Structures are given as structure tokens and as C-alpha cells.
């Protein structure tokens, strides 16, 4: 008898282990991917007349009933939770789900795993956004960015924006570093002066906002994120809290606090 031959039950899970995800779980999973297939960007609902119809299936990233070949293929791969956990499933359009399963490849598995990890990380950030607040008066600075017509990029200032290069490392992209430098050159004095004006009517505004920004930054650092991820998450947090017209305003505010040392060291 060949001792290397494994029983079928060692390769396959029983079909009765498949669970039916609740309506709430379906909503959460579809919301997580913003109602589009994360592989092809097709909508997960189709509309006929006045009614919308489901056009997706809940796909298992690590297969629910792996074949012998899949067990061998994925034996050293990272897994997200147990097979039926929400961490291991993702909504896909029916076409992409079919392609994933016939047959599953290492490249496809890793791609889908990284997509899911990113979605989980973003969900975690959304929870953090709710916890960390920012002073409402910062909306005055956002408004100023859009209304000011006298931005002077060559104004004489008492710092060198090139010093930002000493605070950043190779985990943040060079285009992002250049963007931060340009934002600092163009807006630092404008924002600093506006914060001083707000301080006169709202005691300690500058100190409070600086502490809030610093606290959010330290939380991101605690999560072990690199500088690009941290900067992007701070920009998204400012976007959520201040609701500017465009992302540029949030980037300008974040850049100010990079120069001011609340973000990065």
C-alpha cells in the first residue's frame, strides 16, 4: 500500500461546511469593496427597470473545498482566518469568481489576498477615524486655502523646506516628498498666520490641533505603517473630518504638520 496516498477527507472539506452569510454580512462585504468587483471593477448589482439585482458571489480566497493540487499549491501561503471567516471571503462578479476557481493559481491567490488585506486595513482606519477628532475651527484654514489669491511661493521664510528630506525615508515616494515641499513653500506662512489669528478667539487652538495631529500620527506609527501609508492615511483622515472640496487641501494641511514636526521626526 502506498503510504503517501492520502484519504479524500484530508484534501476536501465537506460541502455542509459552507455557511450562508447573513444579509448584514453581505452588506458589510459589498460595502467594503464599494459595490464593485475588486478584480475587474464591474458593478456588483445590475439594474433592470426600477429594480436592482445581485450580480456577485461570495468567493473564498483560500478555497472552501480545496483540491489535492490546491492544498499542495497553497500549503506555504499566508491565510486570513478560518476558511468561512469574513476575512477569507470577498464579493466578486460571477465571471471573476469563475476564473478564480478554474483553476486557482498562486498569482491569483496572492493578488486577491493582498486586495483583501488592504480592504481590512482600510476598515481598521475607518474605525480609527471615528475615535480621533480634530478641532472644527480647522475648517477656517480649509476655506482659506480655497479663497486666498495671494499665494507667494518665493516668500522669504525662516525655514528651508528642503529639510523635509531629512524627515523622510525611502518608504515614501519621491513625488509625495516633492508635493510636500511645494505645499510647504506655498502655504506654510499662510496657515501659520491663520492659526495665530484663530488662537486669539479660540484659546490654544494651535496647541490642540497640533496635539490631535500628533496623536493620530503616533497611532499610525504604532501600527507599523511606512511613511507613505502614514501620510496617505493622515490625508484621508483630514478629508473625512474637514470635508474639503478636493484632496489637495487635505494634503496641504498634512504637509504643514510635516514641516511643523507633528508628522514624522
C-alpha atoms as a PDB file:
ATOM      1  CA  UNK A   1       0.000   0.000   0.000  1.00  0.00           C
ATOM      2  CA  UNK A   2       1.317   3.464  -0.901  1.00  0.00           C
ATOM      3  CA  UNK A   3       1.674   5.356   2.406  1.00  0.00           C
ATOM      4  CA  UNK A   4       1.835   8.702   0.582  1.00  0.00           C
ATOM      5  CA  UNK A   5      -1.702   8.339  -0.699  1.00  0.00           C
ATOM      6  CA  UNK A   6      -3.986  10.472   1.451  1.00  0.00           C
ATOM      7  CA  UNK A   7      -7.626   9.914   2.087  1.00  0.00           C
ATOM      8  CA  UNK A   8     -10.057  12.130   0.257  1.00  0.00           C
ATOM      9  CA  UNK A   9     -11.219  13.638   3.550  1.00  0.00           C
ATOM     10  CA  UNK A  10      -7.711  15.009   4.122  1.00  0.00           C
ATOM     11  CA  UNK A  11      -7.960  17.087   0.977  1.00  0.00           C
ATOM     12  CA  UNK A  12     -11.625  18.077   0.907  1.00  0.00           C
ATOM     13  CA  UNK A  13     -13.885  19.742   3.387  1.00  0.00           C
ATOM     14  CA  UNK A  14     -17.451  18.509   3.438  1.00  0.00           C
ATOM     15  CA  UNK A  15     -19.833  20.659   1.428  1.00  0.00           C
ATOM     16  CA  UNK A  16     -22.012  21.058   4.514  1.00  0.00           C
ATOM     17  CA  UNK A  17     -19.308  23.307   5.988  1.00  0.00           C
ATOM     18  CA  UNK A  18     -20.388  26.075   3.591  1.00  0.00           C
ATOM     19  CA  UNK A  19     -22.257  28.758   5.538  1.00  0.00           C
ATOM     20  CA  UNK A  20     -24.889  31.205   4.397  1.00  0.00           C
ATOM     21  CA  UNK A  21     -23.777  34.741   5.121  1.00  0.00           C
ATOM     22  CA  UNK A  22     -26.425  36.949   6.650  1.00  0.00           C
ATOM     23  CA  UNK A  23     -27.883  39.998   4.916  1.00  0.00           C
ATOM     24  CA  UNK A  24     -25.854  42.199   7.271  1.00  0.00           C
ATOM     25  CA  UNK A  25     -22.652  40.336   6.401  1.00  0.00           C
ATOM     26  CA  UNK A  26     -23.406  40.652   2.690  1.00  0.00           C
ATOM     27  CA  UNK A  27     -23.945  44.393   3.068  1.00  0.00           C
ATOM     28  CA  UNK A  28     -20.706  44.758   5.022  1.00  0.00           C
ATOM     29  CA  UNK A  29     -18.707  42.747   2.489  1.00  0.00           C
ATOM     30  CA  UNK A  30     -20.155  44.553  -0.532  1.00  0.00           C
ATOM     31  CA  UNK A  31     -19.656  47.933   1.143  1.00  0.00           C
ATOM     32  CA  UNK A  32     -16.044  47.009   1.842  1.00  0.00           C
ATOM     33  CA  UNK A  33     -15.381  46.722  -1.911  1.00  0.00           C
ATOM     34  CA  UNK A  34     -17.569  49.787  -2.647  1.00  0.00           C
ATOM     35  CA  UNK A  35     -20.068  47.696  -4.637  1.00  0.00           C
ATOM     36  CA  UNK A  36     -17.675  46.891  -7.463  1.00  0.00           C
ATOM     37  CA  UNK A  37     -15.746  43.736  -8.250  1.00  0.00           C
ATOM     38  CA  UNK A  38     -12.241  44.287  -6.824  1.00  0.00           C
ATOM     39  CA  UNK A  39     -10.692  42.398  -9.755  1.00  0.00           C
ATOM     40  CA  UNK A  40     -12.410  43.928 -12.795  1.00  0.00           C
ATOM     41  CA  UNK A  41     -14.336  46.915 -11.342  1.00  0.00           C
ATOM     42  CA  UNK A  42     -17.671  45.732 -12.775  1.00  0.00           C
ATOM     43  CA  UNK A  43     -20.682  46.696 -10.623  1.00  0.00           C
ATOM     44  CA  UNK A  44     -21.894  44.019  -8.218  1.00  0.00           C
ATOM     45  CA  UNK A  45     -25.523  44.915  -8.917  1.00  0.00           C
ATOM     46  CA  UNK A  46     -27.324  45.247 -12.225  1.00  0.00           C
ATOM     47  CA  UNK A  47     -30.412  47.362 -12.716  1.00  0.00           C
ATOM     48  CA  UNK A  48     -33.380  46.236 -14.792  1.00  0.00           C
ATOM     49  CA  UNK A  49     -36.169  48.718 -14.924  1.00  0.00           C
ATOM     50  CA  UNK A  50     -36.585  50.083 -11.433  1.00  0.00           C
ATOM     51  CA  UNK A  51     -35.121  47.058  -9.670  1.00  0.00           C
ATOM     52  CA  UNK A  52     -31.559  46.162  -8.763  1.00  0.00           C
ATOM     53  CA  UNK A  53     -30.379  42.576  -8.884  1.00  0.00           C
ATOM     54  CA  UNK A  54     -27.419  40.855  -7.262  1.00  0.00           C
ATOM     55  CA  UNK A  55     -24.591  40.192  -9.741  1.00  0.00           C
ATOM     56  CA  UNK A  56     -21.946  38.831  -7.399  1.00  0.00           C
ATOM     57  CA  UNK A  57     -20.960  35.740  -5.456  1.00  0.00           C
ATOM     58  CA  UNK A  58     -19.122  35.463  -2.172  1.00  0.00           C
ATOM     59  CA  UNK A  59     -15.765  33.926  -3.081  1.00  0.00           C
ATOM     60  CA  UNK A  60     -13.420  32.162  -0.702  1.00  0.00           C
ATOM     61  CA  UNK A  61      -9.839  33.402  -1.016  1.00  0.00           C
ATOM     62  CA  UNK A  62      -8.449  30.185   0.419  1.00  0.00           C
ATOM     63  CA  UNK A  63     -10.822  27.635  -1.160  1.00  0.00           C
ATOM     64  CA  UNK A  64     -13.622  26.136   0.892  1.00  0.00           C
ATOM     65  CA  UNK A  65     -13.119  22.693  -0.634  1.00  0.00           C
ATOM     66  CA  UNK A  66      -9.510  22.663  -1.859  1.00  0.00           C
ATOM     67  CA  UNK A  67      -8.466  20.023  -4.327  1.00  0.00           C
ATOM     68  CA  UNK A  68      -5.337  17.994  -3.708  1.00  0.00           C
ATOM     69  CA  UNK A  69      -3.488  20.251  -6.141  1.00  0.00           C
ATOM     70  CA  UNK A  70      -4.703  23.397  -4.313  1.00  0.00           C
ATOM     71  CA  UNK A  71      -3.675  22.022  -0.916  1.00  0.00           C
ATOM     72  CA  UNK A  72      -0.173  21.482  -2.250  1.00  0.00           C
ATOM     73  CA  UNK A  73      -0.131  24.789  -4.144  1.00  0.00           C
ATOM     74  CA  UNK A  74      -1.141  26.892  -1.120  1.00  0.00           C
ATOM     75  CA  UNK A  75       0.498  24.953   1.695  1.00  0.00           C
ATOM     76  CA  UNK A  76       3.066  27.673   2.424  1.00  0.00           C
ATOM     77  CA  UNK A  77       0.870  30.662   1.635  1.00  0.00           C
ATOM     78  CA  UNK A  78      -0.473  33.206   4.116  1.00  0.00           C
ATOM     79  CA  UNK A  79      -4.088  32.728   5.148  1.00  0.00           C
ATOM     80  CA  UNK A  80      -6.568  35.183   6.621  1.00  0.00           C
ATOM     81  CA  UNK A  81      -8.516  33.479   9.386  1.00  0.00           C
ATOM     82  CA  UNK A  82     -10.556  30.291   9.137  1.00  0.00           C
ATOM     83  CA  UNK A  83     -11.986  29.306   5.786  1.00  0.00           C
ATOM     84  CA  UNK A  84     -15.507  30.705   6.409  1.00  0.00           C
ATOM     85  CA  UNK A  85     -14.373  33.833   8.286  1.00  0.00           C
ATOM     86  CA  UNK A  86     -15.273  37.163   6.719  1.00  0.00           C
ATOM     87  CA  UNK A  87     -11.534  37.815   6.426  1.00  0.00           C
ATOM     88  CA  UNK A  88     -11.256  34.913   3.966  1.00  0.00           C
ATOM     89  CA  UNK A  89     -14.159  35.861   1.702  1.00  0.00           C
ATOM     90  CA  UNK A  90     -14.721  38.655  -0.777  1.00  0.00           C
ATOM     91  CA  UNK A  91     -17.536  39.538  -3.206  1.00  0.00           C
ATOM     92  CA  UNK A  92     -16.605  39.011  -6.856  1.00  0.00           C
ATOM     93  CA  UNK A  93     -18.605  39.281 -10.045  1.00  0.00           C
ATOM     94  CA  UNK A  94     -19.644  35.877 -11.315  1.00  0.00           C
ATOM     95  CA  UNK A  95     -17.162  35.982 -14.198  1.00  0.00           C
ATOM     96  CA  UNK A  96     -14.144  36.702 -11.973  1.00  0.00           C
ATOM     97  CA  UNK A  97     -15.283  34.114  -9.439  1.00  0.00           C
ATOM     98  CA  UNK A  98     -15.440  31.521 -12.180  1.00  0.00           C
ATOM     99  CA  UNK A  99     -11.967  32.418 -13.446  1.00  0.00           C
ATOM    100  CA  UNK A 100     -10.560  32.252  -9.908  1.00  0.00           C
ATOM    101  CA  UNK A 101     -11.767  28.706  -9.382  1.00  0.00           C
ATOM    102  CA  UNK A 102     -10.799  27.249 -12.759  1.00  0.00           C
ATOM    103  CA  UNK A 103      -8.030  26.665 -11.905  1.00  0.00           C
ATOM    104  CA  UNK A 104      -6.710  28.679  -8.948  1.00  0.00           C
ATOM    105  CA  UNK A 105      -3.138  29.931  -9.372  1.00  0.00           C
ATOM    106  CA  UNK A 106      -0.549  31.274  -6.917  1.00  0.00           C
ATOM    107  CA  UNK A 107      -0.552  34.658  -8.679  1.00  0.00           C
ATOM    108  CA  UNK A 108      -4.348  34.997  -8.435  1.00  0.00           C
ATOM    109  CA  UNK A 109      -4.384  33.841  -4.827  1.00  0.00           C
ATOM    110  CA  UNK A 110      -1.727  36.335  -3.759  1.00  0.00           C
ATOM    111  CA  UNK A 111      -3.397  39.161  -5.684  1.00  0.00           C
ATOM    112  CA  UNK A 112      -6.743  38.548  -4.023  1.00  0.00           C
ATOM    113  CA  UNK A 113      -5.111  38.107  -0.615  1.00  0.00           C
ATOM    114  CA  UNK A 114      -3.357  41.485  -0.898  1.00  0.00           C
ATOM    115  CA  UNK A 115      -6.585  43.151  -2.029  1.00  0.00           C
ATOM    116  CA  UNK A 116      -8.409  41.755   0.995  1.00  0.00           C
ATOM    117  CA  UNK A 117      -5.617  42.770   3.365  1.00  0.00           C
ATOM    118  CA  UNK A 118      -5.849  46.307   2.004  1.00  0.00           C
ATOM    119  CA  UNK A 119      -9.625  46.338   2.493  1.00  0.00           C
ATOM    120  CA  UNK A 120      -9.260  45.095   6.069  1.00  0.00           C
ATOM    121  CA  UNK A 121      -6.631  47.758   6.766  1.00  0.00           C
ATOM    122  CA  UNK A 122      -8.911  50.462   5.364  1.00  0.00           C
ATOM    123  CA  UNK A 123     -11.780  49.245   7.528  1.00  0.00           C
ATOM    124  CA  UNK A 124      -9.472  49.485  10.517  1.00  0.00           C
ATOM    125  CA  UNK A 125      -8.588  53.042   9.550  1.00  0.00           C
ATOM    126  CA  UNK A 126     -12.255  53.987   9.360  1.00  0.00           C
ATOM    127  CA  UNK A 127     -12.670  52.830  12.951  1.00  0.00           C
ATOM    128  CA  UNK A 128      -9.678  54.946  13.964  1.00  0.00           C
ATOM    129  CA  UNK A 129     -11.117  57.993  12.174  1.00  0.00           C
ATOM    130  CA  UNK A 130     -14.161  57.811  14.423  1.00  0.00           C
ATOM    131  CA  UNK A 131     -12.015  57.806  17.562  1.00  0.00           C
ATOM    132  CA  UNK A 132      -9.648  60.642  16.663  1.00  0.00           C
ATOM    133  CA  UNK A 133     -11.217  64.087  16.472  1.00  0.00           C
ATOM    134  CA  UNK A 134      -9.919  67.369  15.108  1.00  0.00           C
ATOM    135  CA  UNK A 135     -10.945  70.902  16.080  1.00  0.00           C
ATOM    136  CA  UNK A 136     -13.823  72.207  13.977  1.00  0.00           C
ATOM    137  CA  UNK A 137     -12.107  75.589  13.581  1.00  0.00           C
ATOM    138  CA  UNK A 138      -9.643  73.957  11.193  1.00  0.00           C
ATOM    139  CA  UNK A 139     -12.382  74.353   8.589  1.00  0.00           C
ATOM    140  CA  UNK A 140     -11.406  78.054   8.521  1.00  0.00           C
ATOM    141  CA  UNK A 141      -7.963  77.042   7.287  1.00  0.00           C
ATOM    142  CA  UNK A 142      -9.511  74.794   4.641  1.00  0.00           C
ATOM    143  CA  UNK A 143     -11.693  77.686   3.453  1.00  0.00           C
ATOM    144  CA  UNK A 144      -8.665  79.994   3.369  1.00  0.00           C
ATOM    145  CA  UNK A 145      -6.773  77.614   1.090  1.00  0.00           C
ATOM    146  CA  UNK A 146      -9.540  77.900  -1.489  1.00  0.00           C
ATOM    147  CA  UNK A 147     -10.247  81.607  -1.113  1.00  0.00           C
ATOM    148  CA  UNK A 148      -6.743  83.077  -0.922  1.00  0.00           C
ATOM    149  CA  UNK A 149      -5.498  84.615  -4.182  1.00  0.00           C
ATOM    150  CA  UNK A 150      -2.145  85.862  -2.948  1.00  0.00           C
ATOM    151  CA  UNK A 151      -0.087  82.685  -2.509  1.00  0.00           C
ATOM    152  CA  UNK A 152       3.566  83.630  -2.984  1.00  0.00           C
ATOM    153  CA  UNK A 153       5.849  80.636  -3.433  1.00  0.00           C
ATOM    154  CA  UNK A 154       9.084  82.663  -3.226  1.00  0.00           C
ATOM    155  CA  UNK A 155       8.261  84.424   0.047  1.00  0.00           C
ATOM    156  CA  UNK A 156      11.178  84.829   2.458  1.00  0.00           C
ATOM    157  CA  UNK A 157      10.659  82.343   5.286  1.00  0.00           C
ATOM    158  CA  UNK A 158      12.705  81.329   8.295  1.00  0.00           C
ATOM    159  CA  UNK A 159      12.973  77.646   7.393  1.00  0.00           C
ATOM    160  CA  UNK A 160      14.175  75.608   4.456  1.00  0.00           C
ATOM    161  CA  UNK A 161      11.551  73.215   3.053  1.00  0.00           C
ATOM    162  CA  UNK A 162      14.415  71.038   1.821  1.00  0.00           C
ATOM    163  CA  UNK A 163      14.806  69.992   5.467  1.00  0.00           C
ATOM    164  CA  UNK A 164      11.776  67.764   4.860  1.00  0.00           C
ATOM    165  CA  UNK A 165      14.147  65.393   3.098  1.00  0.00           C
ATOM    166  CA  UNK A 166      15.798  64.801   6.470  1.00  0.00           C
ATOM    167  CA  UNK A 167      12.467  63.691   7.975  1.00  0.00           C
ATOM    168  CA  UNK A 168      11.525  61.262   5.236  1.00  0.00           C
ATOM    169  CA  UNK A 169      12.952  57.914   4.209  1.00  0.00           C
ATOM    170  CA  UNK A 170      12.740  55.590   1.227  1.00  0.00           C
ATOM    171  CA  UNK A 171       9.312  54.265   2.261  1.00  0.00           C
ATOM    172  CA  UNK A 172       7.648  57.436   0.965  1.00  0.00           C
ATOM    173  CA  UNK A 173       7.630  58.152  -2.760  1.00  0.00           C
ATOM    174  CA  UNK A 174       9.736  60.946  -4.211  1.00  0.00           C
ATOM    175  CA  UNK A 175       6.669  62.532  -5.889  1.00  0.00           C
ATOM    176  CA  UNK A 176       4.981  62.713  -2.480  1.00  0.00           C
ATOM    177  CA  UNK A 177       8.075  64.324  -0.933  1.00  0.00           C
ATOM    178  CA  UNK A 178       8.162  66.894  -3.738  1.00  0.00           C
ATOM    179  CA  UNK A 179       4.465  67.573  -3.232  1.00  0.00           C
ATOM    180  CA  UNK A 180       5.015  68.160   0.498  1.00  0.00           C
ATOM    181  CA  UNK A 181       7.902  70.560  -0.232  1.00  0.00           C
ATOM    182  CA  UNK A 182       5.810  72.522  -2.727  1.00  0.00           C
ATOM    183  CA  UNK A 183       2.881  72.717  -0.310  1.00  0.00           C
ATOM    184  CA  UNK A 184       5.151  73.968   2.461  1.00  0.00           C
ATOM    185  CA  UNK A 185       6.749  76.591   0.213  1.00  0.00           C
ATOM    186  CA  UNK A 186       3.393  77.880  -0.934  1.00  0.00           C
ATOM    187  CA  UNK A 187       1.191  77.640   2.140  1.00  0.00           C
ATOM    188  CA  UNK A 188       3.195  77.349   5.356  1.00  0.00           C
ATOM    189  CA  UNK A 189       3.140  81.042   6.325  1.00  0.00           C
ATOM    190  CA  UNK A 190      -0.489  81.430   5.253  1.00  0.00           C
ATOM    191  CA  UNK A 191      -1.582  78.556   7.506  1.00  0.00           C
ATOM    192  CA  UNK A 192       0.682  79.559  10.387  1.00  0.00           C
ATOM    193  CA  UNK A 193      -0.663  83.128  10.366  1.00  0.00           C
ATOM    194  CA  UNK A 194      -4.259  81.926  10.174  1.00  0.00           C
ATOM    195  CA  UNK A 195      -3.708  79.592  13.124  1.00  0.00           C
ATOM    196  CA  UNK A 196      -2.312  82.520  15.131  1.00  0.00           C
ATOM    197  CA  UNK A 197      -5.427  84.557  14.308  1.00  0.00           C
ATOM    198  CA  UNK A 198      -7.722  81.711  15.396  1.00  0.00           C
ATOM    199  CA  UNK A 199      -5.745  81.435  18.646  1.00  0.00           C
ATOM    200  CA  UNK A 200      -6.907  84.930  19.579  1.00  0.00           C
ATOM    201  CA  UNK A 201     -10.563  83.922  19.526  1.00  0.00           C
ATOM    202  CA  UNK A 202     -10.230  80.210  20.277  1.00  0.00           C
ATOM    203  CA  UNK A 203      -7.706  79.821  23.091  1.00  0.00           C
ATOM    204  CA  UNK A 204      -4.923  77.276  22.459  1.00  0.00           C
ATOM    205  CA  UNK A 205      -6.305  76.248  19.059  1.00  0.00           C
ATOM    206  CA  UNK A 206      -2.819  75.716  17.617  1.00  0.00           C
ATOM    207  CA  UNK A 207      -1.699  73.559  20.539  1.00  0.00           C
ATOM    208  CA  UNK A 208      -4.885  71.479  20.488  1.00  0.00           C
ATOM    209  CA  UNK A 209      -4.767  70.799  16.738  1.00  0.00           C
ATOM    210  CA  UNK A 210      -1.058  70.025  16.880  1.00  0.00           C
ATOM    211  CA  UNK A 211      -1.683  67.522  19.673  1.00  0.00           C
ATOM    212  CA  UNK A 212      -4.541  65.918  17.736  1.00  0.00           C
ATOM    213  CA  UNK A 213      -2.462  65.577  14.563  1.00  0.00           C
ATOM    214  CA  UNK A 214       0.472  64.231  16.537  1.00  0.00           C
ATOM    215  CA  UNK A 215      -1.747  61.706  18.323  1.00  0.00           C
ATOM    216  CA  UNK A 216      -3.150  60.388  15.048  1.00  0.00           C
ATOM    217  CA  UNK A 217       0.356  60.165  13.580  1.00  0.00           C
ATOM    218  CA  UNK A 218       1.651  58.209  16.572  1.00  0.00           C
ATOM    219  CA  UNK A 219      -1.268  55.788  16.252  1.00  0.00           C
ATOM    220  CA  UNK A 220      -0.326  55.153  12.616  1.00  0.00           C
ATOM    221  CA  UNK A 221       3.298  54.672  13.604  1.00  0.00           C
ATOM    222  CA  UNK A 222       2.233  52.240  16.331  1.00  0.00           C
ATOM    223  CA  UNK A 223       0.507  50.152  13.659  1.00  0.00           C
ATOM    224  CA  UNK A 224       3.879  49.673  11.990  1.00  0.00           C
ATOM    225  CA  UNK A 225       2.947  51.505   8.782  1.00  0.00           C
ATOM    226  CA  UNK A 226       5.546  53.041   6.491  1.00  0.00           C
ATOM    227  CA  UNK A 227       5.755  56.777   5.812  1.00  0.00           C
ATOM    228  CA  UNK A 228       3.767  56.644   2.568  1.00  0.00           C
ATOM    229  CA  UNK A 229       0.928  54.774   4.256  1.00  0.00           C
ATOM    230  CA  UNK A 230       1.017  57.140   7.228  1.00  0.00           C
ATOM    231  CA  UNK A 231       0.905  60.286   5.085  1.00  0.00           C
ATOM    232  CA  UNK A 232      -1.903  58.884   2.918  1.00  0.00           C
ATOM    233  CA  UNK A 233      -3.929  57.867   5.998  1.00  0.00           C
ATOM    234  CA  UNK A 234      -3.491  61.283   7.607  1.00  0.00           C
ATOM    235  CA  UNK A 235      -4.681  62.942   4.396  1.00  0.00           C
ATOM    236  CA  UNK A 236      -7.734  60.654   4.278  1.00  0.00           C
ATOM    237  CA  UNK A 237      -8.469  61.360   7.963  1.00  0.00           C
ATOM    238  CA  UNK A 238      -8.308  65.128   7.372  1.00  0.00           C
ATOM    239  CA  UNK A 239     -10.557  64.653   4.332  1.00  0.00           C
ATOM    240  CA  UNK A 240     -13.150  62.809   6.417  1.00  0.00           C
ATOM    241  CA  UNK A 241     -13.039  65.302   9.277  1.00  0.00           C
ATOM    242  CA  UNK A 242     -12.940  68.575   7.303  1.00  0.00           C
ATOM    243  CA  UNK A 243     -14.704  67.609   4.052  1.00  0.00           C
ATOM    244  CA  UNK A 244     -12.704  69.894   1.729  1.00  0.00           C
ATOM    245  CA  UNK A 245     -13.699  70.333  -1.894  1.00  0.00           C
ATOM    246  CA  UNK A 246     -10.627  68.439  -3.108  1.00  0.00           C
ATOM    247  CA  UNK A 247      -7.899  66.216  -1.698  1.00  0.00           C
ATOM    248  CA  UNK A 248      -5.294  68.943  -2.308  1.00  0.00           C
ATOM    249  CA  UNK A 249      -6.470  70.948   0.714  1.00  0.00           C
ATOM    250  CA  UNK A 250      -6.040  67.927   2.998  1.00  0.00           C
ATOM    251  CA  UNK A 251      -2.573  67.331   1.517  1.00  0.00           C
ATOM    252  CA  UNK A 252      -1.617  70.961   2.158  1.00  0.00           C
ATOM    253  CA  UNK A 253      -2.686  70.763   5.804  1.00  0.00           C
ATOM    254  CA  UNK A 254      -0.860  67.457   6.277  1.00  0.00           C
ATOM    255  CA  UNK A 255       2.251  68.965   4.660  1.00  0.00           C
ATOM    256  CA  UNK A 256       2.134  71.892   7.084  1.00  0.00           C
ATOM    257  CA  UNK A 257       2.280  69.491  10.013  1.00  0.00           C
ATOM    258  CA  UNK A 258       5.120  67.519   8.415  1.00  0.00           C
ATOM    259  CA  UNK A 259       7.141  70.755   8.376  1.00  0.00           C
ATOM    260  CA  UNK A 260       5.901  71.633  11.855  1.00  0.00           C
ATOM    261  CA  UNK A 261       7.181  68.249  13.112  1.00  0.00           C
ATOM    262  CA  UNK A 262       3.860  66.802  14.328  1.00  0.00           C
ATOM    263  CA  UNK A 263       4.169  64.299  11.459  1.00  0.00           C
ATOM    264  CA  UNK A 264       7.494  62.453  11.088  1.00  0.00           C
ATOM    265  CA  UNK A 265      10.532  63.359  13.122  1.00  0.00           C
END
